[in-house]
Amino acid sequence: MFCITEDQTRNALSIRSAAEIVMATYRGIAEGTVTASTPSLLQITSEPFRLGAKGAVLNHLGIAGVRLISRAAPRLMLWSLQSGEPLALIDESHAYRFRTGVSGAVCARYLLPTGSEPNVAIIGAGPIAFQLALAVNELVEPASMRVVASSVDSAERFAREAQEAGVNVVPQNSVADAVRDADLVITITSANEVLVRIEDLAPGAVVLSMGGGHEVDHKVWAACSQRFVDDLGYALHQGDAAAWIKAGLFDELSFAASLTGTVAALAADQVTAHLNDTGLSMAIVQGTTALDVALGHAIYLQVEGQQ
């Protein structure tokens, strides 16, 4: 069995090659060749380490995998479906952040008009938000990108580091300033408070909710003309949907009934997004483990081929 270090995962895949794998995996979910574990998440303990496990089977690749979730040391385990033997144990410290960034940008592409050059607002300035900015810059090709964080210093640091990576990001003082006239708004924070309000959004904006806590006012979801989720089971566990349900604004059945469809259905053309609609669109992108397994498999094949 290969043990793959964090350094070996860095630069193992380009953003565009990872995006192709992400899109193919989403299609596999919709077509039934990719299946998630049941339940979506096995929670072992919550704070301070948030230990858990999420799995997926990718029949078309002949592999199964489990994400061993941990704030301190996340790992991904891969097995062969043919032999049942373990293939690799992968340090996901970087790979998870990279996957999250790429999958967010892919979801944005599904919901934005083809060929558009959107104004983008990223709410959050952590390591995952940084990977998201890189992926959005390459896959979405925005006209502008803004960032807002818990402090102005954090937003300015983020902008400097993005500039060093060749991505132009403008720091903003407030969420309202960042999202004003933004065509794409992405939340990726550790906050647990309403950050995005309907009165601040431009008509026709696309909102991606990607953080683990409460970030978006439920009135935004209610006002949307189309609503998507990547992993319903996990969205009910954490993030905005879970917060709305806990507050009694939805129950699980009514939330599921409010969906236009899944991101996987968009990828497989089983549902069509109305890309030129003036209404709001929103997707809750909480993390589909099958994407981590697919990208981990691609990294494993590369490392195996080098040895």
C-alpha atoms as a PDB file:
ATOM      1  CA  MET A   1       0.000   0.000   0.000  1.00  0.00           C
ATOM      2  CA  PHE A   2       1.260   3.438  -0.900  1.00  0.00           C
ATOM      3  CA  CYS A   3       1.447   6.128   1.781  1.00  0.00           C
ATOM      4  CA  ILE A   4       1.213   9.444  -0.052  1.00  0.00           C
ATOM      5  CA  THR A   5       2.417  12.580   1.719  1.00  0.00           C
ATOM      6  CA  GLU A   6       0.944  16.054   1.568  1.00  0.00           C
ATOM      7  CA  ASP A   7       3.917  17.256  -0.508  1.00  0.00           C
ATOM      8  CA  GLN A   8       3.261  14.521  -3.090  1.00  0.00           C
ATOM      9  CA  THR A   9      -0.317  15.744  -3.523  1.00  0.00           C
ATOM     10  CA  ARG A  10       0.749  19.337  -4.226  1.00  0.00           C
ATOM     11  CA  ASN A  11       0.832  20.104  -7.938  1.00  0.00           C
ATOM     12  CA  ALA A  12       0.022  16.468  -8.700  1.00  0.00           C
ATOM     13  CA  LEU A  13      -2.981  17.621 -10.723  1.00  0.00           C
ATOM     14  CA  SER A  14      -3.636  20.837 -12.603  1.00  0.00           C
ATOM     15  CA  ILE A  15      -6.834  22.752 -11.912  1.00  0.00           C
ATOM     16  CA  ARG A  16      -8.197  21.905 -15.353  1.00  0.00           C
ATOM     17  CA  SER A  17      -7.399  18.195 -15.149  1.00  0.00           C
ATOM     18  CA  ALA A  18      -8.958  18.075 -11.674  1.00  0.00           C
ATOM     19  CA  ALA A  19     -12.045  19.859 -13.025  1.00  0.00           C
ATOM     20  CA  GLU A  20     -12.455  17.170 -15.694  1.00  0.00           C
ATOM     21  CA  ILE A  21     -12.309  14.477 -13.002  1.00  0.00           C
ATOM     22  CA  VAL A  22     -14.812  16.391 -10.849  1.00  0.00           C
ATOM     23  CA  MET A  23     -17.269  16.752 -13.743  1.00  0.00           C
ATOM     24  CA  ALA A  24     -16.947  13.081 -14.713  1.00  0.00           C
ATOM     25  CA  THR A  25     -17.553  12.046 -11.109  1.00  0.00           C
ATOM     26  CA  TYR A  26     -20.640  14.224 -10.814  1.00  0.00           C
ATOM     27  CA  ARG A  27     -21.975  12.590 -13.988  1.00  0.00           C
ATOM     28  CA  GLY A  28     -21.215   9.173 -12.514  1.00  0.00           C
ATOM     29  CA  ILE A  29     -23.263  10.038  -9.427  1.00  0.00           C
ATOM     30  CA  ALA A  30     -26.237  10.990 -11.593  1.00  0.00           C
ATOM     31  CA  GLU A  31     -25.874   7.888 -13.775  1.00  0.00           C
ATOM     32  CA  GLY A  32     -25.498   5.493 -10.849  1.00  0.00           C
ATOM     33  CA  THR A  33     -21.915   4.324 -11.398  1.00  0.00           C
ATOM     34  CA  VAL A  34     -20.825   6.282  -8.323  1.00  0.00           C
ATOM     35  CA  THR A  35     -22.548   5.721  -4.984  1.00  0.00           C
ATOM     36  CA  ALA A  36     -22.077   7.291  -1.580  1.00  0.00           C
ATOM     37  CA  SER A  37     -21.874   5.544   1.751  1.00  0.00           C
ATOM     38  CA  THR A  38     -24.984   5.281   3.886  1.00  0.00           C
ATOM     39  CA  PRO A  39     -25.179   7.292   6.033  1.00  0.00           C
ATOM     40  CA  SER A  40     -23.387  10.065   4.202  1.00  0.00           C
ATOM     41  CA  LEU A  41     -21.348  10.800   7.329  1.00  0.00           C
ATOM     42  CA  LEU A  42     -20.410   8.568  10.247  1.00  0.00           C
ATOM     43  CA  GLN A  43     -19.694  11.035  13.028  1.00  0.00           C
ATOM     44  CA  ILE A  44     -17.313   9.635  15.606  1.00  0.00           C
ATOM     45  CA  THR A  45     -16.939  12.754  17.756  1.00  0.00           C
ATOM     46  CA  SER A  46     -17.513  16.465  17.330  1.00  0.00           C
ATOM     47  CA  GLU A  47     -15.313  19.131  18.886  1.00  0.00           C
ATOM     48  CA  PRO A  48     -12.445  19.719  19.127  1.00  0.00           C
ATOM     49  CA  PHE A  49     -11.256  17.407  16.339  1.00  0.00           C
ATOM     50  CA  ARG A  50     -14.499  16.644  14.452  1.00  0.00           C
ATOM     51  CA  LEU A  51     -13.605  13.020  13.721  1.00  0.00           C
ATOM     52  CA  GLY A  52     -15.722  11.113  11.231  1.00  0.00           C
ATOM     53  CA  ALA A  53     -15.793   9.034   8.067  1.00  0.00           C
ATOM     54  CA  LYS A  54     -17.414   9.458   4.640  1.00  0.00           C
ATOM     55  CA  GLY A  55     -17.168   6.883   1.865  1.00  0.00           C
ATOM     56  CA  ALA A  56     -17.929   6.322  -1.810  1.00  0.00           C
ATOM     57  CA  VAL A  57     -17.724   3.558  -4.407  1.00  0.00           C
ATOM     58  CA  LEU A  58     -16.586   4.457  -7.931  1.00  0.00           C
ATOM     59  CA  ASN A  59     -17.502   1.386  -9.931  1.00  0.00           C
ATOM     60  CA  HIS A  60     -16.239   2.749 -13.245  1.00  0.00           C
ATOM     61  CA  LEU A  61     -12.751   3.123 -11.724  1.00  0.00           C
ATOM     62  CA  GLY A  62     -12.882  -0.111  -9.729  1.00  0.00           C
ATOM     63  CA  ILE A  63     -12.189   1.604  -6.439  1.00  0.00           C
ATOM     64  CA  ALA A  64     -13.772   2.479  -3.120  1.00  0.00           C
ATOM     65  CA  GLY A  65     -12.588   5.093  -0.684  1.00  0.00           C
ATOM     66  CA  VAL A  66     -13.196   6.591   2.715  1.00  0.00           C
ATOM     67  CA  ARG A  67     -12.334  10.062   3.916  1.00  0.00           C
ATOM     68  CA  LEU A  68     -11.116   9.871   7.510  1.00  0.00           C
ATOM     69  CA  ILE A  69     -12.187  13.306   8.645  1.00  0.00           C
ATOM     70  CA  SER A  70     -10.097  15.173  11.193  1.00  0.00           C
ATOM     71  CA  ARG A  71      -9.338  18.838  11.669  1.00  0.00           C
ATOM     72  CA  ALA A  72      -5.806  17.902  12.669  1.00  0.00           C
ATOM     73  CA  ALA A  73      -4.872  15.191  10.162  1.00  0.00           C
ATOM     74  CA  PRO A  74      -7.399  14.273   7.419  1.00  0.00           C
ATOM     75  CA  ARG A  75      -6.636  11.136   5.429  1.00  0.00           C
ATOM     76  CA  LEU A  76      -8.126   9.318   2.441  1.00  0.00           C
ATOM     77  CA  MET A  77      -8.058   5.509   2.166  1.00  0.00           C
ATOM     78  CA  LEU A  78      -8.420   3.783  -1.212  1.00  0.00           C
ATOM     79  CA  TRP A  79      -9.287   0.119  -1.862  1.00  0.00           C
ATOM     80  CA  SER A  80      -9.434  -2.040  -4.978  1.00  0.00           C
ATOM     81  CA  LEU A  81     -12.931  -3.335  -5.738  1.00  0.00           C
ATOM     82  CA  GLN A  82     -11.388  -6.293  -7.563  1.00  0.00           C
ATOM     83  CA  SER A  83      -9.187  -7.617  -4.754  1.00  0.00           C
ATOM     84  CA  GLY A  84     -10.447  -5.787  -1.685  1.00  0.00           C
ATOM     85  CA  GLU A  85      -6.841  -4.850  -0.931  1.00  0.00           C
ATOM     86  CA  PRO A  86      -5.927  -1.344   0.272  1.00  0.00           C
ATOM     87  CA  LEU A  87      -4.190   0.729  -2.395  1.00  0.00           C
ATOM     88  CA  ALA A  88      -3.191   3.956  -0.713  1.00  0.00           C
ATOM     89  CA  LEU A  89      -3.398   6.113   2.378  1.00  0.00           C
ATOM     90  CA  ILE A  90      -3.278   9.744   1.303  1.00  0.00           C
ATOM     91  CA  ASP A  91      -2.594  12.812   3.436  1.00  0.00           C
ATOM     92  CA  GLU A  92      -5.496  15.077   2.516  1.00  0.00           C
ATOM     93  CA  SER A  93      -4.296  18.246   4.225  1.00  0.00           C
ATOM     94  CA  HIS A  94      -3.764  19.954   0.864  1.00  0.00           C
ATOM     95  CA  ALA A  95      -5.788  17.694  -1.441  1.00  0.00           C
ATOM     96  CA  TYR A  96      -9.051  18.403   0.377  1.00  0.00           C
ATOM     97  CA  ARG A  97      -8.581  22.161   0.103  1.00  0.00           C
ATOM     98  CA  PHE A  98      -7.652  21.804  -3.567  1.00  0.00           C
ATOM     99  CA  ARG A  99     -10.706  19.617  -4.291  1.00  0.00           C
ATOM    100  CA  THR A 100     -13.031  22.012  -2.511  1.00  0.00           C
ATOM    101  CA  GLY A 101     -11.743  24.930  -4.551  1.00  0.00           C
ATOM    102  CA  VAL A 102     -12.021  23.112  -7.869  1.00  0.00           C
ATOM    103  CA  SER A 103     -15.481  21.687  -7.144  1.00  0.00           C
ATOM    104  CA  GLY A 104     -16.748  25.143  -6.151  1.00  0.00           C
ATOM    105  CA  ALA A 105     -15.504  26.608  -9.416  1.00  0.00           C
ATOM    106  CA  VAL A 106     -17.055  23.736 -11.401  1.00  0.00           C
ATOM    107  CA  CYS A 107     -20.424  24.317  -9.708  1.00  0.00           C
ATOM    108  CA  ALA A 108     -20.165  28.010 -10.529  1.00  0.00           C
ATOM    109  CA  ARG A 109     -19.613  27.161 -14.197  1.00  0.00           C
ATOM    110  CA  TYR A 110     -22.782  25.073 -14.250  1.00  0.00           C
ATOM    111  CA  LEU A 111     -24.842  28.007 -12.955  1.00  0.00           C
ATOM    112  CA  LEU A 112     -23.276  30.952 -14.782  1.00  0.00           C
ATOM    113  CA  PRO A 113     -24.078  31.823 -18.418  1.00  0.00           C
ATOM    114  CA  THR A 114     -21.535  30.347 -20.837  1.00  0.00           C
ATOM    115  CA  GLY A 115     -18.916  32.885 -21.835  1.00  0.00           C
ATOM    116  CA  SER A 116     -19.854  35.353 -19.120  1.00  0.00           C
ATOM    117  CA  GLU A 117     -17.143  37.277 -17.311  1.00  0.00           C
ATOM    118  CA  PRO A 118     -18.712  37.611 -13.871  1.00  0.00           C
ATOM    119  CA  ASN A 119     -17.849  39.852 -10.983  1.00  0.00           C
ATOM    120  CA  VAL A 120     -17.032  37.464  -8.134  1.00  0.00           C
ATOM    121  CA  ALA A 121     -17.196  37.988  -4.374  1.00  0.00           C
ATOM    122  CA  ILE A 122     -15.535  35.489  -2.043  1.00  0.00           C
ATOM    123  CA  ILE A 123     -16.527  35.705   1.613  1.00  0.00           C
ATOM    124  CA  GLY A 124     -13.743  34.088   3.601  1.00  0.00           C
ATOM    125  CA  ALA A 125      -9.961  34.296   3.441  1.00  0.00           C
ATOM    126  CA  GLY A 126      -8.705  30.952   4.733  1.00  0.00           C
ATOM    127  CA  PRO A 127      -6.666  28.265   2.932  1.00  0.00           C
ATOM    128  CA  ILE A 128      -9.724  26.753   1.224  1.00  0.00           C
ATOM    129  CA  ALA A 129     -10.868  30.179   0.036  1.00  0.00           C
ATOM    130  CA  PHE A 130      -7.404  30.669  -1.464  1.00  0.00           C
ATOM    131  CA  GLN A 131      -7.660  27.445  -3.481  1.00  0.00           C
ATOM    132  CA  LEU A 132     -11.149  28.536  -4.512  1.00  0.00           C
ATOM    133  CA  ALA A 133      -9.844  31.869  -5.802  1.00  0.00           C
ATOM    134  CA  LEU A 134      -7.198  30.096  -7.899  1.00  0.00           C
ATOM    135  CA  ALA A 135      -9.753  27.690  -9.368  1.00  0.00           C
ATOM    136  CA  VAL A 136     -12.377  30.363 -10.037  1.00  0.00           C
ATOM    137  CA  ASN A 137      -9.781  32.529 -11.731  1.00  0.00           C
ATOM    138  CA  GLU A 138      -8.835  29.721 -14.121  1.00  0.00           C
ATOM    139  CA  LEU A 139     -12.176  28.019 -14.731  1.00  0.00           C
ATOM    140  CA  VAL A 140     -14.625  30.930 -14.545  1.00  0.00           C
ATOM    141  CA  GLU A 141     -12.372  33.718 -15.916  1.00  0.00           C
ATOM    142  CA  PRO A 142     -13.996  36.524 -13.912  1.00  0.00           C
ATOM    143  CA  ALA A 143     -13.969  40.186 -14.806  1.00  0.00           C
ATOM    144  CA  SER A 144     -13.156  40.983 -11.180  1.00  0.00           C
ATOM    145  CA  MET A 145     -12.733  39.187  -7.879  1.00  0.00           C
ATOM    146  CA  ARG A 146     -13.268  40.653  -4.415  1.00  0.00           C
ATOM    147  CA  VAL A 147     -12.653  39.186  -0.978  1.00  0.00           C
ATOM    148  CA  VAL A 148     -13.977  40.053   2.448  1.00  0.00           C
ATOM    149  CA  ALA A 149     -12.864  38.452   5.702  1.00  0.00           C
ATOM    150  CA  SER A 150     -13.383  38.698   9.444  1.00  0.00           C
ATOM    151  CA  SER A 151     -10.825  41.522   9.456  1.00  0.00           C
ATOM    152  CA  VAL A 152      -9.531  43.964   6.860  1.00  0.00           C
ATOM    153  CA  ASP A 153      -5.983  42.758   7.573  1.00  0.00           C
ATOM    154  CA  SER A 154      -6.988  39.187   6.640  1.00  0.00           C
ATOM    155  CA  ALA A 155      -8.588  40.341   3.394  1.00  0.00           C
ATOM    156  CA  GLU A 156      -5.535  42.405   2.479  1.00  0.00           C
ATOM    157  CA  ARG A 157      -3.170  39.511   3.260  1.00  0.00           C
ATOM    158  CA  PHE A 158      -5.302  37.229   1.100  1.00  0.00           C
ATOM    159  CA  ALA A 159      -5.175  39.739  -1.761  1.00  0.00           C
ATOM    160  CA  ARG A 160      -1.381  40.004  -1.519  1.00  0.00           C
ATOM    161  CA  GLU A 161      -0.921  36.236  -1.559  1.00  0.00           C
ATOM    162  CA  ALA A 162      -3.328  35.882  -4.465  1.00  0.00           C
ATOM    163  CA  GLN A 163      -1.401  38.539  -6.381  1.00  0.00           C
ATOM    164  CA  GLU A 164       1.805  36.573  -5.814  1.00  0.00           C
ATOM    165  CA  ALA A 165       0.024  33.569  -7.384  1.00  0.00           C
ATOM    166  CA  GLY A 166      -0.989  35.679 -10.399  1.00  0.00           C
ATOM    167  CA  VAL A 167      -4.607  36.268  -9.363  1.00  0.00           C
ATOM    168  CA  ASN A 168      -5.963  39.784  -8.939  1.00  0.00           C
ATOM    169  CA  VAL A 169      -8.225  40.026  -5.880  1.00  0.00           C
ATOM    170  CA  VAL A 170      -9.464  43.291  -4.376  1.00  0.00           C
ATOM    171  CA  PRO A 171     -10.008  43.363  -0.585  1.00  0.00           C
ATOM    172  CA  GLN A 172     -13.290  44.823   0.685  1.00  0.00           C
ATOM    173  CA  ASN A 173     -14.294  46.277   4.035  1.00  0.00           C
ATOM    174  CA  SER A 174     -17.706  44.625   4.362  1.00  0.00           C
ATOM    175  CA  VAL A 175     -19.835  41.840   2.937  1.00  0.00           C
ATOM    176  CA  ALA A 176     -22.270  44.415   1.531  1.00  0.00           C
ATOM    177  CA  ASP A 177     -19.422  46.107  -0.342  1.00  0.00           C
ATOM    178  CA  ALA A 178     -18.094  42.782  -1.631  1.00  0.00           C
ATOM    179  CA  VAL A 179     -21.377  41.412  -2.966  1.00  0.00           C
ATOM    180  CA  ARG A 180     -22.712  44.641  -4.449  1.00  0.00           C
ATOM    181  CA  ASP A 181     -23.116  44.047  -8.218  1.00  0.00           C
ATOM    182  CA  ALA A 182     -21.464  40.619  -7.866  1.00  0.00           C
ATOM    183  CA  ASP A 183     -22.709  37.980 -10.313  1.00  0.00           C
ATOM    184  CA  LEU A 184     -21.224  35.169  -8.206  1.00  0.00           C
ATOM    185  CA  VAL A 185     -21.096  35.175  -4.398  1.00  0.00           C
ATOM    186  CA  ILE A 186     -19.284  32.356  -2.595  1.00  0.00           C
ATOM    187  CA  THR A 187     -19.253  31.865   1.166  1.00  0.00           C
ATOM    188  CA  ILE A 188     -16.455  29.724   2.594  1.00  0.00           C
ATOM    189  CA  THR A 189     -15.942  30.706   6.228  1.00  0.00           C
ATOM    190  CA  SER A 190     -15.862  29.189   9.703  1.00  0.00           C
ATOM    191  CA  ALA A 191     -18.524  31.650  10.833  1.00  0.00           C
ATOM    192  CA  ASN A 192     -21.882  30.715  12.275  1.00  0.00           C
ATOM    193  CA  GLU A 193     -23.844  33.891  11.589  1.00  0.00           C
ATOM    194  CA  VAL A 194     -25.798  35.409   8.726  1.00  0.00           C
ATOM    195  CA  LEU A 195     -23.342  37.082   6.362  1.00  0.00           C
ATOM    196  CA  VAL A 196     -25.294  37.224   3.083  1.00  0.00           C
ATOM    197  CA  ARG A 197     -28.657  38.988   3.025  1.00  0.00           C
ATOM    198  CA  ILE A 198     -31.077  39.254   0.152  1.00  0.00           C
ATOM    199  CA  GLU A 199     -31.122  43.058   0.179  1.00  0.00           C
ATOM    200  CA  ASP A 200     -27.386  43.135  -0.604  1.00  0.00           C
ATOM    201  CA  LEU A 201     -27.509  40.826  -3.636  1.00  0.00           C
ATOM    202  CA  ALA A 202     -27.712  41.933  -7.250  1.00  0.00           C
ATOM    203  CA  PRO A 203     -30.623  40.634  -9.395  1.00  0.00           C
ATOM    204  CA  GLY A 204     -29.718  37.318 -11.012  1.00  0.00           C
ATOM    205  CA  ALA A 205     -26.786  36.628  -8.690  1.00  0.00           C
ATOM    206  CA  VAL A 206     -25.545  33.080  -8.160  1.00  0.00           C
ATOM    207  CA  VAL A 207     -24.814  32.181  -4.521  1.00  0.00           C
ATOM    208  CA  LEU A 208     -22.659  29.219  -3.500  1.00  0.00           C
ATOM    209  CA  SER A 209     -22.854  28.286   0.182  1.00  0.00           C
ATOM    210  CA  MET A 210     -19.745  26.262   1.041  1.00  0.00           C
ATOM    211  CA  GLY A 211     -19.010  26.893   4.711  1.00  0.00           C
ATOM    212  CA  GLY A 212     -19.713  24.561   7.597  1.00  0.00           C
ATOM    213  CA  GLY A 213     -21.922  26.962   9.558  1.00  0.00           C
ATOM    214  CA  HIS A 214     -24.775  29.383   9.057  1.00  0.00           C
ATOM    215  CA  GLU A 215     -23.709  31.985   6.467  1.00  0.00           C
ATOM    216  CA  VAL A 216     -26.705  32.806   4.240  1.00  0.00           C
ATOM    217  CA  ASP A 217     -30.091  34.164   5.305  1.00  0.00           C
ATOM    218  CA  HIS A 218     -32.843  31.634   4.567  1.00  0.00           C
ATOM    219  CA  LYS A 219     -34.717  34.422   2.752  1.00  0.00           C
ATOM    220  CA  VAL A 220     -32.089  34.163  -0.005  1.00  0.00           C
ATOM    221  CA  TRP A 221     -32.914  30.463  -0.517  1.00  0.00           C
ATOM    222  CA  ALA A 222     -36.646  31.204  -0.397  1.00  0.00           C
ATOM    223  CA  ALA A 223     -36.301  33.922  -3.053  1.00  0.00           C
ATOM    224  CA  CYS A 224     -34.280  31.803  -5.489  1.00  0.00           C
ATOM    225  CA  SER A 225     -35.796  30.683  -8.775  1.00  0.00           C
ATOM    226  CA  GLN A 226     -33.548  27.599  -8.738  1.00  0.00           C
ATOM    227  CA  ARG A 227     -31.867  25.733  -5.880  1.00  0.00           C
ATOM    228  CA  PHE A 228     -29.292  22.947  -5.943  1.00  0.00           C
ATOM    229  CA  VAL A 229     -27.292  20.826  -3.518  1.00  0.00           C
ATOM    230  CA  ASP A 230     -24.322  18.530  -4.078  1.00  0.00           C
ATOM    231  CA  ASP A 231     -24.785  16.078  -1.174  1.00  0.00           C
ATOM    232  CA  LEU A 232     -28.219  16.277   0.428  1.00  0.00           C
ATOM    233  CA  GLY A 233     -27.356  13.986   3.324  1.00  0.00           C
ATOM    234  CA  TYR A 234     -24.321  16.034   4.293  1.00  0.00           C
ATOM    235  CA  ALA A 235     -26.107  19.362   3.739  1.00  0.00           C
ATOM    236  CA  LEU A 236     -28.668  18.255   6.312  1.00  0.00           C
ATOM    237  CA  HIS A 237     -25.805  17.642   8.735  1.00  0.00           C
ATOM    238  CA  GLN A 238     -23.930  20.944   8.550  1.00  0.00           C
ATOM    239  CA  GLY A 239     -23.974  24.337   6.845  1.00  0.00           C
ATOM    240  CA  ASP A 240     -26.870  26.602   5.976  1.00  0.00           C
ATOM    241  CA  ALA A 241     -29.515  23.938   5.368  1.00  0.00           C
ATOM    242  CA  ALA A 242     -28.775  22.292   8.707  1.00  0.00           C
ATOM    243  CA  ALA A 243     -28.962  25.685  10.445  1.00  0.00           C
ATOM    244  CA  TRP A 244     -32.294  26.539   8.820  1.00  0.00           C
ATOM    245  CA  ILE A 245     -33.743  23.183   9.836  1.00  0.00           C
ATOM    246  CA  LYS A 246     -32.450  23.537  13.396  1.00  0.00           C
ATOM    247  CA  ALA A 247     -34.125  26.957  13.568  1.00  0.00           C
ATOM    248  CA  GLY A 248     -37.447  25.436  12.478  1.00  0.00           C
ATOM    249  CA  LEU A 249     -37.548  27.251   9.140  1.00  0.00           C
ATOM    250  CA  PHE A 250     -37.705  23.929   7.247  1.00  0.00           C
ATOM    251  CA  ASP A 251     -37.911  20.279   8.084  1.00  0.00           C
ATOM    252  CA  GLU A 252     -35.857  17.770   6.123  1.00  0.00           C
ATOM    253  CA  LEU A 253     -38.713  16.839   3.797  1.00  0.00           C
ATOM    254  CA  SER A 254     -39.704  20.414   2.979  1.00  0.00           C
ATOM    255  CA  PHE A 255     -36.088  21.361   2.358  1.00  0.00           C
ATOM    256  CA  ALA A 256     -35.637  18.428  -0.036  1.00  0.00           C
ATOM    257  CA  ALA A 257     -38.895  19.380  -1.773  1.00  0.00           C
ATOM    258  CA  SER A 258     -37.576  22.920  -2.339  1.00  0.00           C
ATOM    259  CA  LEU A 259     -34.699  21.674  -4.502  1.00  0.00           C
ATOM    260  CA  THR A 260     -34.605  22.163  -8.252  1.00  0.00           C
ATOM    261  CA  GLY A 261     -32.103  19.321  -8.430  1.00  0.00           C
ATOM    262  CA  THR A 262     -28.588  18.217  -7.601  1.00  0.00           C
ATOM    263  CA  VAL A 263     -25.253  19.367  -8.950  1.00  0.00           C
ATOM    264  CA  ALA A 264     -24.786  15.836 -10.306  1.00  0.00           C
ATOM    265  CA  ALA A 265     -28.040  16.128 -12.273  1.00  0.00           C
ATOM    266  CA  LEU A 266     -26.763  19.404 -13.751  1.00  0.00           C
ATOM    267  CA  ALA A 267     -23.535  17.700 -14.777  1.00  0.00           C
ATOM    268  CA  ALA A 268     -25.416  14.865 -16.496  1.00  0.00           C
ATOM    269  CA  ASP A 269     -27.905  17.235 -18.218  1.00  0.00           C
ATOM    270  CA  GLN A 270     -30.753  15.612 -16.302  1.00  0.00           C
ATOM    271  CA  VAL A 271     -31.882  19.064 -15.197  1.00  0.00           C
ATOM    272  CA  THR A 272     -31.240  22.395 -16.880  1.00  0.00           C
ATOM    273  CA  ALA A 273     -30.195  25.577 -15.131  1.00  0.00           C
ATOM    274  CA  HIS A 274     -31.869  28.755 -16.360  1.00  0.00           C
ATOM    275  CA  LEU A 275     -28.693  30.679 -17.022  1.00  0.00           C
ATOM    276  CA  ASN A 276     -30.196  33.926 -18.252  1.00  0.00           C
ATOM    277  CA  ASP A 277     -32.866  34.193 -15.576  1.00  0.00           C
ATOM    278  CA  THR A 278     -33.014  37.443 -13.589  1.00  0.00           C
ATOM    279  CA  GLY A 279     -33.929  35.466 -10.474  1.00  0.00           C
ATOM    280  CA  LEU A 280     -31.418  34.393  -7.873  1.00  0.00           C
ATOM    281  CA  SER A 281     -29.790  30.947  -8.019  1.00  0.00           C
ATOM    282  CA  MET A 282     -28.189  29.131  -5.117  1.00  0.00           C
ATOM    283  CA  ALA A 283     -26.269  25.915  -4.576  1.00  0.00           C
ATOM    284  CA  ILE A 284     -25.219  24.429  -1.263  1.00  0.00           C
ATOM    285  CA  VAL A 285     -21.897  22.723  -1.906  1.00  0.00           C
ATOM    286  CA  GLN A 286     -20.982  20.882   1.277  1.00  0.00           C
ATOM    287  CA  GLY A 287     -18.647  18.262  -0.115  1.00  0.00           C
ATOM    288  CA  THR A 288     -19.173  15.106  -2.111  1.00  0.00           C
ATOM    289  CA  THR A 289     -16.709  12.475  -0.938  1.00  0.00           C
ATOM    290  CA  ALA A 290     -16.757  10.730  -4.318  1.00  0.00           C
ATOM    291  CA  LEU A 291     -14.851  13.745  -5.687  1.00  0.00           C
ATOM    292  CA  ASP A 292     -12.117  13.309  -3.085  1.00  0.00           C
ATOM    293  CA  VAL A 293     -11.919   9.595  -3.887  1.00  0.00           C
ATOM    294  CA  ALA A 294     -11.693  10.231  -7.641  1.00  0.00           C
ATOM    295  CA  LEU A 295      -8.985  12.865  -7.282  1.00  0.00           C
ATOM    296  CA  GLY A 296      -7.161  10.722  -4.723  1.00  0.00           C
ATOM    297  CA  HIS A 297      -7.200   7.857  -7.218  1.00  0.00           C
ATOM    298  CA  ALA A 298      -5.687  10.094  -9.913  1.00  0.00           C
ATOM    299  CA  ILE A 299      -2.957  11.190  -7.478  1.00  0.00           C
ATOM    300  CA  TYR A 300      -2.317   7.551  -6.511  1.00  0.00           C
ATOM    301  CA  LEU A 301      -1.929   6.520 -10.183  1.00  0.00           C
ATOM    302  CA  GLN A 302       0.568   9.336 -10.719  1.00  0.00           C
ATOM    303  CA  VAL A 303       2.641   8.479  -7.644  1.00  0.00           C
ATOM    304  CA  GLU A 304       2.518   4.763  -8.467  1.00  0.00           C
ATOM    305  CA  GLY A 305       3.717   5.472 -11.998  1.00  0.00           C
ATOM    306  CA  GLN A 306       6.672   7.450 -10.669  1.00  0.00           C
ATOM    307  CA  GLN A 307       7.933   4.617  -8.450  1.00  0.00           C
END
